[in-house]
Structures are given as C-alpha cells and as structure tokens.
Amino acid sequence: MHKIKSVLLSLLIAAVVAGCAAPGPIYETSRGLVGAWIVTASRPAGVGKNLLTFSSDGTFFRSGDTHPVLSGAHGAWKQVGDKEFDATYIAFRFDQDKNWIGSTKTRIHIISGPGDDEFAGVAKVSTRDMQDNEIGTSEVRLDGKRIRVEPF
C-alpha cells in the first residue's frame, strides 16, 4: 500500500510541475501573411499609410489614412505560390459632405520577404460609381512591415 501511495504522489508531483512549466509560444513565428501589418502605399496622389490585418480563415480588413472619404474595407486573400498571395477588398467612397458616392475594389498581389516581417506588393485600384461601374483605375506600390508585440 505504501508503494502505491508513493507512486501516486510522484505522478501528482510530476503533473503539477508539468502544469507550471512555461508554455511555448502561443503563435507561430512564421505565419506567412496572417497577422497585422503597417503598409506604406505609394499612390499617384502621394505616399500614404494603411493598416492591414490578415486572418487565418482567408478574410482581411483594411483601414487607412483616407478616412473620411474612404471607409474601412473588408476582403479575402489566398496563397497563390511560394511566398506569394493575392487579395481583393472593397471599401465605400464618400464625398467631402459625407455622401456615399460609390466604392473601390482593390486587387493586391503580395510577395513576402525577405524575412517573415516584411512584404512588397502591387495594388490595382478600381474606382466604381453607385451602380458599380468602373470610372477610373490606378496602380499603387505597397511595402508592408509586420506589427509585433514590443516589450512593455
């Protein structure tokens, strides 16, 4: 009986120690595109900034420095090659009086690298009217840097 108690006590101590051990990282360090990014956009009208967040389910969200004439955007993305990704998002356009005047549909091609924390890309922007007819196009160069948790 004493031997059984000793074995059970040893197992209990081992379980407690294992439960107190420091866990490994709660995220993968090389997640491809998944995560939050700050992106420099070299537009025909000048350089701007966007925030892009890519989710593991293939959706993503964009906000940028074009508020209040362009809403936040929602889109979808997928991997199309080794370190290459395509994405499409839609945002609503507004005039200076805050009236809805149409949308933009933007297609993006991204190449990640050279490390896990940066990418380069090209965006093809289609400006659309209220009936979803294309009324203009432009091309934008993108440079992204992953947003990382910094020590407090």
N, C-alpha and C. Protein backbone atom coordinates (compact mmCIF):
# COMPACT_ATOMS: atom_id res chain seq x y z
N MET A 1 0.82 -1.20 0.00
CA MET A 1 0.00 0.00 0.00
C MET A 1 0.86 1.26 0.00
N HIS A 2 1.96 1.20 0.79
CA HIS A 2 2.86 2.34 0.86
C HIS A 2 3.48 2.64 -0.52
N LYS A 3 3.79 1.59 -1.28
CA LYS A 3 4.40 1.75 -2.60
C LYS A 3 3.42 2.42 -3.56
N ILE A 4 2.14 2.06 -3.50
CA ILE A 4 1.12 2.66 -4.37
C ILE A 4 0.98 4.15 -4.06
N LYS A 5 0.94 4.49 -2.76
CA LYS A 5 0.85 5.90 -2.37
C LYS A 5 2.06 6.67 -2.88
N SER A 6 3.22 6.09 -2.80
CA SER A 6 4.45 6.73 -3.25
C SER A 6 4.42 6.99 -4.76
N VAL A 7 3.94 6.02 -5.54
CA VAL A 7 3.83 6.17 -7.00
C VAL A 7 2.81 7.24 -7.34
N LEU A 8 1.66 7.20 -6.68
CA LEU A 8 0.62 8.21 -6.93
C LEU A 8 1.12 9.62 -6.58
N LEU A 9 1.83 9.75 -5.47
CA LEU A 9 2.38 11.04 -5.08
C LEU A 9 3.39 11.53 -6.11
N SER A 10 4.21 10.64 -6.62
CA SER A 10 5.19 11.00 -7.66
C SER A 10 4.49 11.47 -8.93
N LEU A 11 3.43 10.77 -9.33
CA LEU A 11 2.67 11.16 -10.51
C LEU A 11 2.01 12.52 -10.31
N LEU A 12 1.46 12.75 -9.13
CA LEU A 12 0.83 14.03 -8.82
C LEU A 12 1.85 15.17 -8.88
N ILE A 13 3.02 14.96 -8.30
CA ILE A 13 4.07 16.00 -8.34
C ILE A 13 4.50 16.26 -9.78
N ALA A 14 4.66 15.21 -10.57
CA ALA A 14 5.06 15.38 -11.98
C ALA A 14 4.01 16.17 -12.74
N ALA A 15 2.73 15.90 -12.49
CA ALA A 15 1.65 16.62 -13.17
C ALA A 15 1.64 18.10 -12.79
N VAL A 16 1.85 18.37 -11.49
CA VAL A 16 1.88 19.77 -11.03
C VAL A 16 3.05 20.51 -11.65
N VAL A 17 4.22 19.88 -11.66
CA VAL A 17 5.40 20.52 -12.25
C VAL A 17 5.19 20.77 -13.74
N ALA A 18 4.63 19.79 -14.45
CA ALA A 18 4.38 19.96 -15.89
C ALA A 18 3.39 21.08 -16.14
N GLY A 19 2.38 21.20 -15.28
CA GLY A 19 1.39 22.26 -15.44
C GLY A 19 1.95 23.64 -15.17
N CYS A 20 2.99 23.73 -14.36
CA CYS A 20 3.60 25.01 -14.03
C CYS A 20 4.72 25.40 -14.99
N ALA A 21 5.11 24.50 -15.85
CA ALA A 21 6.20 24.80 -16.78
C ALA A 21 5.78 25.93 -17.71
N ALA A 22 6.74 26.73 -18.12
CA ALA A 22 6.46 27.85 -19.02
C ALA A 22 5.98 27.30 -20.36
N PRO A 23 4.85 27.80 -20.85
CA PRO A 23 4.35 27.31 -22.13
C PRO A 23 5.21 27.83 -23.26
N GLY A 24 5.15 27.15 -24.39
CA GLY A 24 5.84 27.61 -25.59
C GLY A 24 5.12 28.82 -26.16
N PRO A 25 5.60 29.32 -27.27
CA PRO A 25 4.95 30.48 -27.87
C PRO A 25 3.50 30.16 -28.22
N ILE A 26 2.64 31.15 -28.08
CA ILE A 26 1.23 30.94 -28.38
C ILE A 26 0.93 31.31 -29.83
N TYR A 27 1.94 31.59 -30.61
CA TYR A 27 1.75 31.87 -32.02
C TYR A 27 2.95 31.32 -32.78
N GLU A 28 2.74 31.10 -34.05
CA GLU A 28 3.85 30.67 -34.90
C GLU A 28 4.65 31.90 -35.28
N THR A 29 5.97 31.75 -35.35
CA THR A 29 6.78 32.89 -35.75
C THR A 29 6.79 33.09 -37.26
N SER A 30 6.55 32.05 -38.03
CA SER A 30 6.45 32.24 -39.47
C SER A 30 5.05 31.86 -39.91
N ARG A 31 4.17 32.84 -39.87
CA ARG A 31 2.76 32.63 -40.14
C ARG A 31 2.39 33.04 -41.55
N GLY A 32 3.36 33.28 -42.40
CA GLY A 32 3.01 33.78 -43.72
C GLY A 32 2.42 35.17 -43.59
N LEU A 33 1.26 35.36 -44.15
CA LEU A 33 0.62 36.66 -44.18
C LEU A 33 -0.25 36.94 -42.96
N VAL A 34 -0.62 35.91 -42.21
CA VAL A 34 -1.53 36.08 -41.07
C VAL A 34 -0.91 37.04 -40.06
N GLY A 35 -1.70 38.03 -39.66
CA GLY A 35 -1.24 38.99 -38.67
C GLY A 35 -1.58 40.41 -39.07
N ALA A 36 -1.05 41.35 -38.32
CA ALA A 36 -1.31 42.78 -38.53
C ALA A 36 -0.08 43.43 -39.15
N TRP A 37 -0.32 44.33 -40.10
CA TRP A 37 0.75 44.97 -40.87
C TRP A 37 0.51 46.47 -40.98
N ILE A 38 1.59 47.24 -40.98
CA ILE A 38 1.52 48.65 -41.36
C ILE A 38 2.14 48.73 -42.74
N VAL A 39 1.43 49.38 -43.64
CA VAL A 39 1.80 49.35 -45.05
C VAL A 39 1.95 50.77 -45.59
N THR A 40 3.07 51.01 -46.26
CA THR A 40 3.28 52.27 -46.97
C THR A 40 2.74 52.08 -48.38
N ALA A 41 1.87 52.98 -48.79
CA ALA A 41 1.26 52.91 -50.12
C ALA A 41 1.76 54.10 -50.94
N SER A 42 2.47 53.80 -52.03
CA SER A 42 2.96 54.85 -52.94
C SER A 42 1.91 55.05 -54.02
N ARG A 43 1.02 56.02 -53.79
CA ARG A 43 -0.13 56.29 -54.66
C ARG A 43 0.20 57.38 -55.67
N PRO A 44 -0.58 57.46 -56.76
CA PRO A 44 -0.39 58.57 -57.71
C PRO A 44 -0.49 59.94 -57.04
N ALA A 45 -1.34 60.05 -55.99
CA ALA A 45 -1.53 61.33 -55.29
C ALA A 45 -0.51 61.54 -54.17
N GLY A 46 0.37 60.57 -53.92
CA GLY A 46 1.37 60.71 -52.87
C GLY A 46 1.45 59.46 -52.00
N VAL A 47 2.33 59.52 -51.04
CA VAL A 47 2.56 58.38 -50.15
C VAL A 47 1.56 58.41 -49.00
N GLY A 48 1.02 57.23 -48.65
CA GLY A 48 0.07 57.12 -47.56
C GLY A 48 0.35 55.89 -46.71
N LYS A 49 -0.46 55.69 -45.70
CA LYS A 49 -0.31 54.56 -44.78
C LYS A 49 -1.63 53.82 -44.65
N ASN A 50 -1.53 52.49 -44.56
CA ASN A 50 -2.68 51.61 -44.32
C ASN A 50 -2.34 50.64 -43.21
N LEU A 51 -3.38 50.12 -42.57
CA LEU A 51 -3.25 49.01 -41.64
C LEU A 51 -4.02 47.85 -42.25
N LEU A 52 -3.37 46.70 -42.40
CA LEU A 52 -4.00 45.50 -42.93
C LEU A 52 -3.89 44.41 -41.89
N THR A 53 -4.98 43.68 -41.68
CA THR A 53 -4.97 42.52 -40.77
C THR A 53 -5.50 41.32 -41.54
N PHE A 54 -4.64 40.32 -41.71
CA PHE A 54 -4.98 39.10 -42.43
C PHE A 54 -5.29 38.00 -41.42
N SER A 55 -6.49 37.40 -41.52
CA SER A 55 -6.91 36.33 -40.62
C SER A 55 -6.61 34.97 -41.25
N SER A 56 -6.50 33.96 -40.40
CA SER A 56 -6.17 32.62 -40.89
C SER A 56 -7.31 31.98 -41.69
N ASP A 57 -8.51 32.54 -41.62
CA ASP A 57 -9.64 31.98 -42.37
C ASP A 57 -9.76 32.54 -43.78
N GLY A 58 -8.80 33.36 -44.22
CA GLY A 58 -8.82 33.90 -45.58
C GLY A 58 -9.53 35.23 -45.71
N THR A 59 -9.92 35.84 -44.60
CA THR A 59 -10.51 37.19 -44.66
C THR A 59 -9.46 38.20 -44.22
N PHE A 60 -9.68 39.46 -44.58
CA PHE A 60 -8.81 40.51 -44.05
C PHE A 60 -9.54 41.84 -44.00
N PHE A 61 -8.95 42.75 -43.23
CA PHE A 61 -9.53 44.06 -43.01
C PHE A 61 -8.47 45.12 -43.25
N ARG A 62 -8.92 46.26 -43.79
CA ARG A 62 -8.01 47.37 -44.09
C ARG A 62 -8.59 48.65 -43.53
N SER A 63 -7.72 49.47 -42.96
CA SER A 63 -8.07 50.85 -42.64
C SER A 63 -6.90 51.69 -43.11
N GLY A 64 -7.16 52.96 -43.35
CA GLY A 64 -6.08 53.77 -43.88
C GLY A 64 -6.23 55.24 -43.60
N ASP A 65 -5.31 55.99 -44.15
CA ASP A 65 -5.26 57.43 -43.94
C ASP A 65 -6.23 58.20 -44.83
N THR A 66 -7.08 57.51 -45.57
CA THR A 66 -8.02 58.15 -46.48
C THR A 66 -9.38 58.44 -45.85
N HIS A 67 -9.54 58.13 -44.57
CA HIS A 67 -10.78 58.44 -43.85
C HIS A 67 -10.94 59.95 -43.80
N PRO A 68 -12.06 60.58 -43.98
CA PRO A 68 -13.41 60.03 -44.05
C PRO A 68 -13.93 59.82 -45.47
N VAL A 69 -13.09 59.95 -46.51
CA VAL A 69 -13.61 59.78 -47.87
C VAL A 69 -13.57 58.34 -48.34
N LEU A 70 -12.95 57.45 -47.57
CA LEU A 70 -12.93 56.02 -47.88
C LEU A 70 -13.14 55.25 -46.58
N SER A 71 -14.09 54.33 -46.58
CA SER A 71 -14.39 53.57 -45.36
C SER A 71 -13.29 52.55 -45.08
N GLY A 72 -13.40 51.90 -43.94
CA GLY A 72 -12.61 50.70 -43.72
C GLY A 72 -13.03 49.70 -44.79
N ALA A 73 -12.21 48.67 -45.01
CA ALA A 73 -12.50 47.72 -46.08
C ALA A 73 -12.49 46.30 -45.56
N HIS A 74 -13.21 45.46 -46.27
CA HIS A 74 -13.26 44.03 -45.98
C HIS A 74 -12.86 43.29 -47.24
N GLY A 75 -12.15 42.17 -47.06
CA GLY A 75 -11.73 41.43 -48.23
C GLY A 75 -11.40 39.99 -47.93
N ALA A 76 -10.88 39.33 -48.97
CA ALA A 76 -10.48 37.93 -48.88
C ALA A 76 -9.08 37.79 -49.49
N TRP A 77 -8.33 36.78 -49.02
CA TRP A 77 -6.99 36.56 -49.53
C TRP A 77 -6.71 35.07 -49.61
N LYS A 78 -5.70 34.72 -50.45
CA LYS A 78 -5.27 33.32 -50.53
C LYS A 78 -3.83 33.28 -51.01
N GLN A 79 -3.16 32.19 -50.67
CA GLN A 79 -1.79 31.97 -51.12
C GLN A 79 -1.87 31.43 -52.55
N VAL A 80 -1.05 32.01 -53.45
CA VAL A 80 -1.07 31.60 -54.86
C VAL A 80 0.25 31.02 -55.33
N GLY A 81 1.26 31.04 -54.49
CA GLY A 81 2.57 30.50 -54.83
C GLY A 81 3.46 30.54 -53.60
N ASP A 82 4.72 30.17 -53.80
CA ASP A 82 5.68 30.19 -52.71
C ASP A 82 5.92 31.65 -52.30
N LYS A 83 5.46 32.02 -51.12
CA LYS A 83 5.58 33.38 -50.58
C LYS A 83 4.83 34.42 -51.42
N GLU A 84 3.81 33.99 -52.17
CA GLU A 84 3.01 34.92 -52.97
C GLU A 84 1.53 34.78 -52.61
N PHE A 85 0.86 35.94 -52.54
CA PHE A 85 -0.52 35.99 -52.10
C PHE A 85 -1.30 36.97 -52.97
N ASP A 86 -2.56 36.65 -53.21
CA ASP A 86 -3.48 37.57 -53.88
C ASP A 86 -4.60 37.90 -52.91
N ALA A 87 -5.10 39.13 -52.99
CA ALA A 87 -6.18 39.57 -52.12
C ALA A 87 -7.07 40.54 -52.88
N THR A 88 -8.32 40.62 -52.47
CA THR A 88 -9.26 41.60 -53.02
C THR A 88 -10.05 42.18 -51.86
N TYR A 89 -10.21 43.52 -51.87
CA TYR A 89 -11.06 44.12 -50.85
C TYR A 89 -11.94 45.20 -51.46
N ILE A 90 -13.00 45.52 -50.74
CA ILE A 90 -13.95 46.55 -51.17
C ILE A 90 -14.11 47.55 -50.04
N ALA A 91 -14.11 48.83 -50.42
CA ALA A 91 -14.35 49.92 -49.47
C ALA A 91 -15.35 50.89 -50.09
N PHE A 92 -16.10 51.57 -49.26
CA PHE A 92 -17.06 52.56 -49.74
C PHE A 92 -16.40 53.93 -49.84
N ARG A 93 -16.79 54.70 -50.89
CA ARG A 93 -16.28 56.06 -51.09
C ARG A 93 -17.33 57.08 -50.69
N PHE A 94 -16.85 58.21 -50.14
CA PHE A 94 -17.73 59.29 -49.72
C PHE A 94 -17.18 60.61 -50.23
N ASP A 95 -18.07 61.59 -50.48
CA ASP A 95 -17.59 62.92 -50.85
C ASP A 95 -17.29 63.73 -49.59
N GLN A 96 -16.86 64.97 -49.77
CA GLN A 96 -16.49 65.81 -48.62
C GLN A 96 -17.67 66.10 -47.69
N ASP A 97 -18.91 65.97 -48.24
CA ASP A 97 -20.11 66.18 -47.41
C ASP A 97 -20.62 64.89 -46.77
N LYS A 98 -19.81 63.83 -46.85
CA LYS A 98 -20.09 62.53 -46.25
C LYS A 98 -21.21 61.76 -46.94
N ASN A 99 -21.49 62.10 -48.21
CA ASN A 99 -22.47 61.37 -49.00
C ASN A 99 -21.79 60.17 -49.66
N TRP A 100 -22.47 59.03 -49.64
CA TRP A 100 -21.94 57.82 -50.28
C TRP A 100 -21.97 58.02 -51.79
N ILE A 101 -20.83 57.84 -52.45
CA ILE A 101 -20.75 58.09 -53.90
C ILE A 101 -20.27 56.88 -54.70
N GLY A 102 -20.04 55.76 -54.05
CA GLY A 102 -19.60 54.57 -54.77
C GLY A 102 -18.66 53.73 -53.92
N SER A 103 -17.74 53.06 -54.59
CA SER A 103 -16.83 52.16 -53.88
C SER A 103 -15.49 52.07 -54.61
N THR A 104 -14.58 51.39 -54.00
CA THR A 104 -13.35 50.98 -54.67
C THR A 104 -13.23 49.48 -54.50
N LYS A 105 -12.76 48.84 -55.55
CA LYS A 105 -12.43 47.42 -55.49
C LYS A 105 -10.94 47.35 -55.77
N THR A 106 -10.20 46.80 -54.83
CA THR A 106 -8.74 46.77 -54.95
C THR A 106 -8.26 45.32 -54.96
N ARG A 107 -7.45 45.01 -55.97
CA ARG A 107 -6.82 43.69 -56.06
C ARG A 107 -5.34 43.88 -55.74
N ILE A 108 -4.81 42.99 -54.90
CA ILE A 108 -3.43 43.12 -54.43
C ILE A 108 -2.67 41.84 -54.75
N HIS A 109 -1.43 42.00 -55.17
CA HIS A 109 -0.51 40.86 -55.29
C HIS A 109 0.67 41.15 -54.36
N ILE A 110 0.94 40.23 -53.44
CA ILE A 110 1.95 40.41 -52.40
C ILE A 110 3.01 39.33 -52.53
N ILE A 111 4.26 39.73 -52.37
CA ILE A 111 5.38 38.80 -52.28
C ILE A 111 6.03 39.03 -50.92
N SER A 112 6.03 38.00 -50.07
CA SER A 112 6.59 38.17 -48.73
C SER A 112 8.10 38.05 -48.78
N GLY A 113 8.72 38.75 -47.84
CA GLY A 113 10.16 38.66 -47.71
C GLY A 113 10.83 40.01 -47.79
N PRO A 114 12.12 40.03 -47.53
CA PRO A 114 12.98 38.86 -47.46
C PRO A 114 12.82 38.06 -46.17
N GLY A 115 12.34 38.65 -45.10
CA GLY A 115 12.11 37.90 -43.86
C GLY A 115 10.62 37.70 -43.64
N ASP A 116 10.25 37.17 -42.47
CA ASP A 116 8.84 36.93 -42.14
C ASP A 116 8.09 38.22 -41.82
N ASP A 117 8.81 39.31 -41.63
CA ASP A 117 8.19 40.54 -41.14
C ASP A 117 8.06 41.65 -42.17
N GLU A 118 8.16 41.32 -43.45
CA GLU A 118 8.00 42.36 -44.47
C GLU A 118 7.49 41.76 -45.77
N PHE A 119 6.86 42.64 -46.57
CA PHE A 119 6.43 42.22 -47.90
C PHE A 119 6.45 43.41 -48.84
N ALA A 120 6.42 43.11 -50.12
CA ALA A 120 6.27 44.12 -51.17
C ALA A 120 5.06 43.70 -52.00
N GLY A 121 4.39 44.67 -52.56
CA GLY A 121 3.22 44.32 -53.35
C GLY A 121 2.80 45.41 -54.30
N VAL A 122 1.83 45.06 -55.11
CA VAL A 122 1.22 46.00 -56.06
C VAL A 122 -0.28 45.90 -55.88
N ALA A 123 -0.94 47.05 -55.86
CA ALA A 123 -2.40 47.09 -55.77
C ALA A 123 -2.95 47.73 -57.04
N LYS A 124 -3.96 47.11 -57.61
CA LYS A 124 -4.69 47.69 -58.74
C LYS A 124 -6.05 48.11 -58.21
N VAL A 125 -6.28 49.43 -58.26
CA VAL A 125 -7.48 50.02 -57.66
C VAL A 125 -8.48 50.35 -58.76
N SER A 126 -9.71 49.90 -58.59
CA SER A 126 -10.80 50.22 -59.50
C SER A 126 -11.80 51.10 -58.76
N THR A 127 -11.92 52.36 -59.19
CA THR A 127 -12.89 53.28 -58.61
C THR A 127 -14.23 53.05 -59.29
N ARG A 128 -15.30 52.91 -58.49
CA ARG A 128 -16.59 52.50 -59.03
C ARG A 128 -17.68 53.47 -58.58
N ASP A 129 -18.69 53.66 -59.46
CA ASP A 129 -19.80 54.56 -59.13
C ASP A 129 -20.87 53.81 -58.33
N MET A 130 -22.00 54.47 -58.11
CA MET A 130 -23.09 53.89 -57.31
C MET A 130 -23.71 52.65 -57.95
N GLN A 131 -23.60 52.51 -59.26
CA GLN A 131 -24.14 51.34 -59.96
C GLN A 131 -23.05 50.27 -60.17
N ASP A 132 -21.90 50.43 -59.53
CA ASP A 132 -20.77 49.51 -59.59
C ASP A 132 -20.08 49.50 -60.96
N ASN A 133 -20.22 50.58 -61.72
CA ASN A 133 -19.50 50.73 -62.99
C ASN A 133 -18.11 51.31 -62.70
N GLU A 134 -17.10 50.78 -63.35
CA GLU A 134 -15.75 51.30 -63.18
C GLU A 134 -15.64 52.68 -63.82
N ILE A 135 -15.13 53.65 -63.05
CA ILE A 135 -14.98 55.02 -63.57
C ILE A 135 -13.53 55.49 -63.55
N GLY A 136 -12.62 54.66 -63.02
CA GLY A 136 -11.21 55.02 -63.00
C GLY A 136 -10.38 53.89 -62.43
N THR A 137 -9.09 53.92 -62.77
CA THR A 137 -8.17 52.91 -62.24
C THR A 137 -6.86 53.57 -61.85
N SER A 138 -6.14 52.92 -60.97
CA SER A 138 -4.79 53.36 -60.61
C SER A 138 -4.02 52.15 -60.10
N GLU A 139 -2.71 52.32 -60.03
CA GLU A 139 -1.85 51.27 -59.51
C GLU A 139 -1.01 51.85 -58.39
N VAL A 140 -0.83 51.06 -57.32
CA VAL A 140 -0.17 51.52 -56.12
C VAL A 140 0.89 50.50 -55.72
N ARG A 141 2.06 51.00 -55.34
CA ARG A 141 3.12 50.13 -54.82
C ARG A 141 2.98 50.04 -53.30
N LEU A 142 3.14 48.84 -52.73
CA LEU A 142 2.96 48.61 -51.30
C LEU A 142 4.23 48.05 -50.68
N ASP A 143 4.55 48.51 -49.49
CA ASP A 143 5.65 47.96 -48.69
C ASP A 143 5.12 47.76 -47.28
N GLY A 144 5.07 46.49 -46.84
CA GLY A 144 4.49 46.17 -45.55
C GLY A 144 5.51 45.72 -44.52
N LYS A 145 5.25 46.08 -43.27
CA LYS A 145 6.05 45.65 -42.12
C LYS A 145 5.09 45.08 -41.09
N ARG A 146 5.40 43.86 -40.61
CA ARG A 146 4.55 43.22 -39.61
C ARG A 146 4.57 44.01 -38.30
N ILE A 147 3.42 44.16 -37.69
CA ILE A 147 3.33 44.77 -36.37
C ILE A 147 3.58 43.67 -35.35
N ARG A 148 4.56 43.86 -34.51
CA ARG A 148 4.96 42.88 -33.50
C ARG A 148 4.71 43.44 -32.10
N VAL A 149 4.48 42.56 -31.16
CA VAL A 149 4.38 42.97 -29.76
C VAL A 149 5.75 43.44 -29.31
N GLU A 150 5.78 44.62 -28.69
CA GLU A 150 7.03 45.15 -28.17
C GLU A 150 7.03 45.02 -26.64
N PRO A 151 8.20 44.86 -26.04
CA PRO A 151 8.25 44.75 -24.57
C PRO A 151 7.65 45.99 -23.92
N PHE A 152 7.01 45.77 -22.81
CA PHE A 152 6.35 46.86 -22.07
C PHE A 152 7.38 47.70 -21.36
